[in-house]
Amino acid sequence: MRLAFQRLPAIADSGAATGMDAMTKRLPTLCLGAAFAALATFPLHAATPPIDCHKARSVTDRALCEAPDQVAMDREIAALYDRGLASFDPESRHRLAQSQVAFLKQRNGCAWASHHSAHPGPAVSECIRGVMEERVRGLRSVVDRGGYGAR
């Protein structure tokens, strides 16, 4: 069995062996490059998880987790967002991702109510509910149309 792994002297001295050695050394790099190229065709944020209430730390996240209907809306938003990422063209996926960032900033902005309201808990919850209801309506519309440019 040992002879099967040894290089024959005639092949070792030829130029073909050098080319083959170079190819063998580059093979892992080529495979890795091909893997990254394949991954680049998939959306980066697929399988967006809904909020993890066990890890909720911010005022907004804690208020969201206290209301089961808001947690359900968060799950619907995540599912609609993933559906859009999976089916939209690249331009619509980009716009969808931008709109998601804007939504999250707006939702997290509801924390102001905890400092600027006589009744901070309900104010934060009302703000979150309003922002999330608007997001669900907007996502449903865009996803049902098949993207931002689709009719």
C-alpha atoms as a PDB file:
ATOM      1  CA  MET A   1       0.000   0.000   0.000  1.00  0.00           C
ATOM      2  CA  ARG A   2       2.845   2.349   0.658  1.00  0.00           C
ATOM      3  CA  LEU A   3       3.833   2.465  -3.011  1.00  0.00           C
ATOM      4  CA  ALA A   4       0.437   3.830  -3.983  1.00  0.00           C
ATOM      5  CA  PHE A   5       1.187   7.095  -2.190  1.00  0.00           C
ATOM      6  CA  GLN A   6       4.747   7.573  -3.410  1.00  0.00           C
ATOM      7  CA  ARG A   7       5.459   9.689  -6.452  1.00  0.00           C
ATOM      8  CA  LEU A   8       7.181   7.954  -9.332  1.00  0.00           C
ATOM      9  CA  PRO A   9      10.591   9.512 -10.142  1.00  0.00           C
ATOM     10  CA  ALA A  10       9.763  10.057 -13.818  1.00  0.00           C
ATOM     11  CA  ILE A  11       6.662  12.066 -12.951  1.00  0.00           C
ATOM     12  CA  ALA A  12       8.352  13.955 -10.128  1.00  0.00           C
ATOM     13  CA  ASP A  13      11.063  15.250 -12.448  1.00  0.00           C
ATOM     14  CA  SER A  14       8.682  16.322 -15.200  1.00  0.00           C
ATOM     15  CA  GLY A  15       7.114  19.756 -15.541  1.00  0.00           C
ATOM     16  CA  ALA A  16       3.653  18.195 -15.367  1.00  0.00           C
ATOM     17  CA  ALA A  17       4.152  17.348 -11.717  1.00  0.00           C
ATOM     18  CA  THR A  18       4.918  20.996 -10.891  1.00  0.00           C
ATOM     19  CA  GLY A  19       1.697  22.130 -12.551  1.00  0.00           C
ATOM     20  CA  MET A  20      -0.220  19.430 -10.761  1.00  0.00           C
ATOM     21  CA  ASP A  21       1.336  20.403  -7.415  1.00  0.00           C
ATOM     22  CA  ALA A  22       0.331  24.011  -7.982  1.00  0.00           C
ATOM     23  CA  MET A  23      -3.207  22.943  -8.809  1.00  0.00           C
ATOM     24  CA  THR A  24      -3.341  20.706  -5.746  1.00  0.00           C
ATOM     25  CA  LYS A  25      -2.218  23.589  -3.543  1.00  0.00           C
ATOM     26  CA  ARG A  26      -4.802  25.958  -5.070  1.00  0.00           C
ATOM     27  CA  LEU A  27      -7.672  23.476  -4.926  1.00  0.00           C
ATOM     28  CA  PRO A  28      -8.822  24.368  -1.383  1.00  0.00           C
ATOM     29  CA  THR A  29      -8.752  28.069  -2.286  1.00  0.00           C
ATOM     30  CA  LEU A  30     -10.719  27.440  -5.465  1.00  0.00           C
ATOM     31  CA  CYS A  31     -13.306  25.372  -3.587  1.00  0.00           C
ATOM     32  CA  LEU A  32     -13.643  28.044  -0.920  1.00  0.00           C
ATOM     33  CA  GLY A  33     -14.051  30.720  -3.591  1.00  0.00           C
ATOM     34  CA  ALA A  34     -16.743  28.680  -5.324  1.00  0.00           C
ATOM     35  CA  ALA A  35     -18.557  28.210  -2.016  1.00  0.00           C
ATOM     36  CA  PHE A  36     -18.547  31.970  -1.339  1.00  0.00           C
ATOM     37  CA  ALA A  37     -19.757  32.660  -4.878  1.00  0.00           C
ATOM     38  CA  ALA A  38     -22.644  30.237  -4.365  1.00  0.00           C
ATOM     39  CA  LEU A  39     -23.562  31.841  -1.035  1.00  0.00           C
ATOM     40  CA  ALA A  40     -23.541  35.298  -2.598  1.00  0.00           C
ATOM     41  CA  THR A  41     -26.603  34.370  -4.640  1.00  0.00           C
ATOM     42  CA  PHE A  42     -28.690  33.750  -1.512  1.00  0.00           C
ATOM     43  CA  PRO A  43     -30.197  36.564   0.534  1.00  0.00           C
ATOM     44  CA  LEU A  44     -28.059  37.515   3.492  1.00  0.00           C
ATOM     45  CA  HIS A  45     -30.873  37.831   5.993  1.00  0.00           C
ATOM     46  CA  ALA A  46     -32.965  34.804   5.217  1.00  0.00           C
ATOM     47  CA  ALA A  47     -34.676  33.034   8.079  1.00  0.00           C
ATOM     48  CA  THR A  48     -34.991  36.220  10.109  1.00  0.00           C
ATOM     49  CA  PRO A  49     -35.785  35.153  13.649  1.00  0.00           C
ATOM     50  CA  PRO A  50     -38.582  36.905  15.480  1.00  0.00           C
ATOM     51  CA  ILE A  51     -37.755  38.567  18.769  1.00  0.00           C
ATOM     52  CA  ASP A  52     -36.272  36.367  21.479  1.00  0.00           C
ATOM     53  CA  CYS A  53     -38.141  37.521  24.573  1.00  0.00           C
ATOM     54  CA  HIS A  54     -35.685  35.704  26.855  1.00  0.00           C
ATOM     55  CA  LYS A  55     -32.990  38.102  25.646  1.00  0.00           C
ATOM     56  CA  ALA A  56     -35.126  41.270  25.597  1.00  0.00           C
ATOM     57  CA  ARG A  57     -33.119  44.060  27.235  1.00  0.00           C
ATOM     58  CA  SER A  58     -34.327  47.349  25.754  1.00  0.00           C
ATOM     59  CA  VAL A  59     -37.466  49.153  26.908  1.00  0.00           C
ATOM     60  CA  THR A  60     -39.011  48.565  23.485  1.00  0.00           C
ATOM     61  CA  ASP A  61     -38.209  44.851  23.345  1.00  0.00           C
ATOM     62  CA  ARG A  62     -39.503  44.249  26.864  1.00  0.00           C
ATOM     63  CA  ALA A  63     -42.735  46.131  26.108  1.00  0.00           C
ATOM     64  CA  LEU A  64     -43.160  44.166  22.874  1.00  0.00           C
ATOM     65  CA  CYS A  65     -42.687  40.878  24.725  1.00  0.00           C
ATOM     66  CA  GLU A  66     -45.330  41.781  27.310  1.00  0.00           C
ATOM     67  CA  ALA A  67     -48.039  41.780  24.645  1.00  0.00           C
ATOM     68  CA  PRO A  68     -48.730  38.433  22.929  1.00  0.00           C
ATOM     69  CA  ASP A  69     -50.427  40.161  19.977  1.00  0.00           C
ATOM     70  CA  GLN A  70     -47.276  42.198  19.372  1.00  0.00           C
ATOM     71  CA  VAL A  71     -45.101  39.081  19.523  1.00  0.00           C
ATOM     72  CA  ALA A  72     -47.430  37.524  16.935  1.00  0.00           C
ATOM     73  CA  MET A  73     -47.064  40.627  14.733  1.00  0.00           C
ATOM     74  CA  ASP A  74     -43.289  40.410  15.102  1.00  0.00           C
ATOM     75  CA  ARG A  75     -43.413  36.805  13.884  1.00  0.00           C
ATOM     76  CA  GLU A  76     -45.555  37.828  10.923  1.00  0.00           C
ATOM     77  CA  ILE A  77     -43.156  40.654  10.062  1.00  0.00           C
ATOM     78  CA  ALA A  78     -40.215  38.223  10.152  1.00  0.00           C
ATOM     79  CA  ALA A  79     -42.059  35.722   7.944  1.00  0.00           C
ATOM     80  CA  LEU A  80     -43.113  38.361   5.403  1.00  0.00           C
ATOM     81  CA  TYR A  81     -39.610  39.809   5.343  1.00  0.00           C
ATOM     82  CA  ASP A  82     -38.101  36.377   4.684  1.00  0.00           C
ATOM     83  CA  ARG A  83     -40.665  35.697   1.963  1.00  0.00           C
ATOM     84  CA  GLY A  84     -39.689  38.938   0.273  1.00  0.00           C
ATOM     85  CA  LEU A  85     -35.973  38.208   0.524  1.00  0.00           C
ATOM     86  CA  ALA A  86     -36.496  34.773  -0.985  1.00  0.00           C
ATOM     87  CA  SER A  87     -38.598  35.903  -3.932  1.00  0.00           C
ATOM     88  CA  PHE A  88     -37.671  39.502  -4.822  1.00  0.00           C
ATOM     89  CA  ASP A  89     -35.223  40.667  -7.460  1.00  0.00           C
ATOM     90  CA  PRO A  90     -31.934  42.140  -6.114  1.00  0.00           C
ATOM     91  CA  GLU A  91     -33.131  45.769  -6.265  1.00  0.00           C
ATOM     92  CA  SER A  92     -36.335  44.979  -4.375  1.00  0.00           C
ATOM     93  CA  ARG A  93     -34.371  42.933  -1.798  1.00  0.00           C
ATOM     94  CA  HIS A  94     -32.124  45.937  -1.229  1.00  0.00           C
ATOM     95  CA  ARG A  95     -35.117  48.246  -0.774  1.00  0.00           C
ATOM     96  CA  LEU A  96     -36.745  45.691   1.522  1.00  0.00           C
ATOM     97  CA  ALA A  97     -33.619  45.539   3.708  1.00  0.00           C
ATOM     98  CA  GLN A  98     -33.465  49.352   3.848  1.00  0.00           C
ATOM     99  CA  SER A  99     -37.121  49.543   4.826  1.00  0.00           C
ATOM    100  CA  GLN A 100     -36.544  46.932   7.551  1.00  0.00           C
ATOM    101  CA  VAL A 101     -33.722  49.003   9.053  1.00  0.00           C
ATOM    102  CA  ALA A 102     -35.953  52.098   8.984  1.00  0.00           C
ATOM    103  CA  PHE A 103     -38.791  50.130  10.615  1.00  0.00           C
ATOM    104  CA  LEU A 104     -36.530  48.851  13.405  1.00  0.00           C
ATOM    105  CA  LYS A 105     -35.248  52.373  14.084  1.00  0.00           C
ATOM    106  CA  GLN A 106     -38.799  53.672  14.194  1.00  0.00           C
ATOM    107  CA  ARG A 107     -39.941  50.850  16.474  1.00  0.00           C
ATOM    108  CA  ASN A 108     -36.962  51.327  18.794  1.00  0.00           C
ATOM    109  CA  GLY A 109     -37.729  55.051  18.826  1.00  0.00           C
ATOM    110  CA  CYS A 110     -40.865  54.217  20.782  1.00  0.00           C
ATOM    111  CA  ALA A 111     -38.660  54.102  23.880  1.00  0.00           C
ATOM    112  CA  TRP A 112     -38.974  57.910  24.083  1.00  0.00           C
ATOM    113  CA  ALA A 113     -42.469  57.380  25.474  1.00  0.00           C
ATOM    114  CA  SER A 114     -41.024  55.794  28.601  1.00  0.00           C
ATOM    115  CA  HIS A 115     -39.378  59.123  29.446  1.00  0.00           C
ATOM    116  CA  HIS A 116     -41.943  61.561  28.055  1.00  0.00           C
ATOM    117  CA  SER A 117     -45.300  60.220  29.167  1.00  0.00           C
ATOM    118  CA  ALA A 118     -47.325  60.259  32.349  1.00  0.00           C
ATOM    119  CA  HIS A 119     -48.110  56.583  31.636  1.00  0.00           C
ATOM    120  CA  PRO A 120     -44.923  55.206  30.067  1.00  0.00           C
ATOM    121  CA  GLY A 121     -45.907  51.515  29.799  1.00  0.00           C
ATOM    122  CA  PRO A 122     -49.106  52.001  27.787  1.00  0.00           C
ATOM    123  CA  ALA A 123     -47.524  54.795  25.727  1.00  0.00           C
ATOM    124  CA  VAL A 124     -44.613  52.600  24.659  1.00  0.00           C
ATOM    125  CA  SER A 125     -46.933  49.709  23.893  1.00  0.00           C
ATOM    126  CA  GLU A 126     -49.284  51.916  21.829  1.00  0.00           C
ATOM    127  CA  CYS A 127     -46.371  53.345  19.884  1.00  0.00           C
ATOM    128  CA  ILE A 128     -44.960  49.872  19.157  1.00  0.00           C
ATOM    129  CA  ARG A 129     -48.378  48.560  18.126  1.00  0.00           C
ATOM    130  CA  GLY A 130     -48.906  51.441  15.703  1.00  0.00           C
ATOM    131  CA  VAL A 131     -45.473  51.088  14.102  1.00  0.00           C
ATOM    132  CA  MET A 132     -45.809  47.311  13.803  1.00  0.00           C
ATOM    133  CA  GLU A 133     -49.337  47.435  12.351  1.00  0.00           C
ATOM    134  CA  GLU A 134     -48.095  49.874   9.719  1.00  0.00           C
ATOM    135  CA  ARG A 135     -45.143  47.582   8.931  1.00  0.00           C
ATOM    136  CA  VAL A 136     -47.356  44.507   8.570  1.00  0.00           C
ATOM    137  CA  ARG A 137     -49.665  46.377   6.148  1.00  0.00           C
ATOM    138  CA  GLY A 138     -46.720  47.656   4.129  1.00  0.00           C
ATOM    139  CA  LEU A 139     -44.963  44.272   3.971  1.00  0.00           C
ATOM    140  CA  ARG A 140     -48.143  42.457   2.978  1.00  0.00           C
ATOM    141  CA  SER A 141     -48.656  44.897   0.128  1.00  0.00           C
ATOM    142  CA  VAL A 142     -45.080  44.689  -1.184  1.00  0.00           C
ATOM    143  CA  VAL A 143     -44.804  40.907  -0.802  1.00  0.00           C
ATOM    144  CA  ASP A 144     -48.186  40.309  -2.449  1.00  0.00           C
ATOM    145  CA  ARG A 145     -47.093  42.485  -5.387  1.00  0.00           C
ATOM    146  CA  GLY A 146     -43.837  40.540  -5.701  1.00  0.00           C
ATOM    147  CA  GLY A 147     -41.521  43.461  -4.987  1.00  0.00           C
ATOM    148  CA  TYR A 148     -41.311  47.224  -5.164  1.00  0.00           C
ATOM    149  CA  GLY A 149     -41.239  47.522  -8.948  1.00  0.00           C
ATOM    150  CA  ALA A 150     -43.827  44.832  -9.652  1.00  0.00           C
ATOM    151  CA  ARG A 151     -47.456  45.615 -10.399  1.00  0.00           C
END
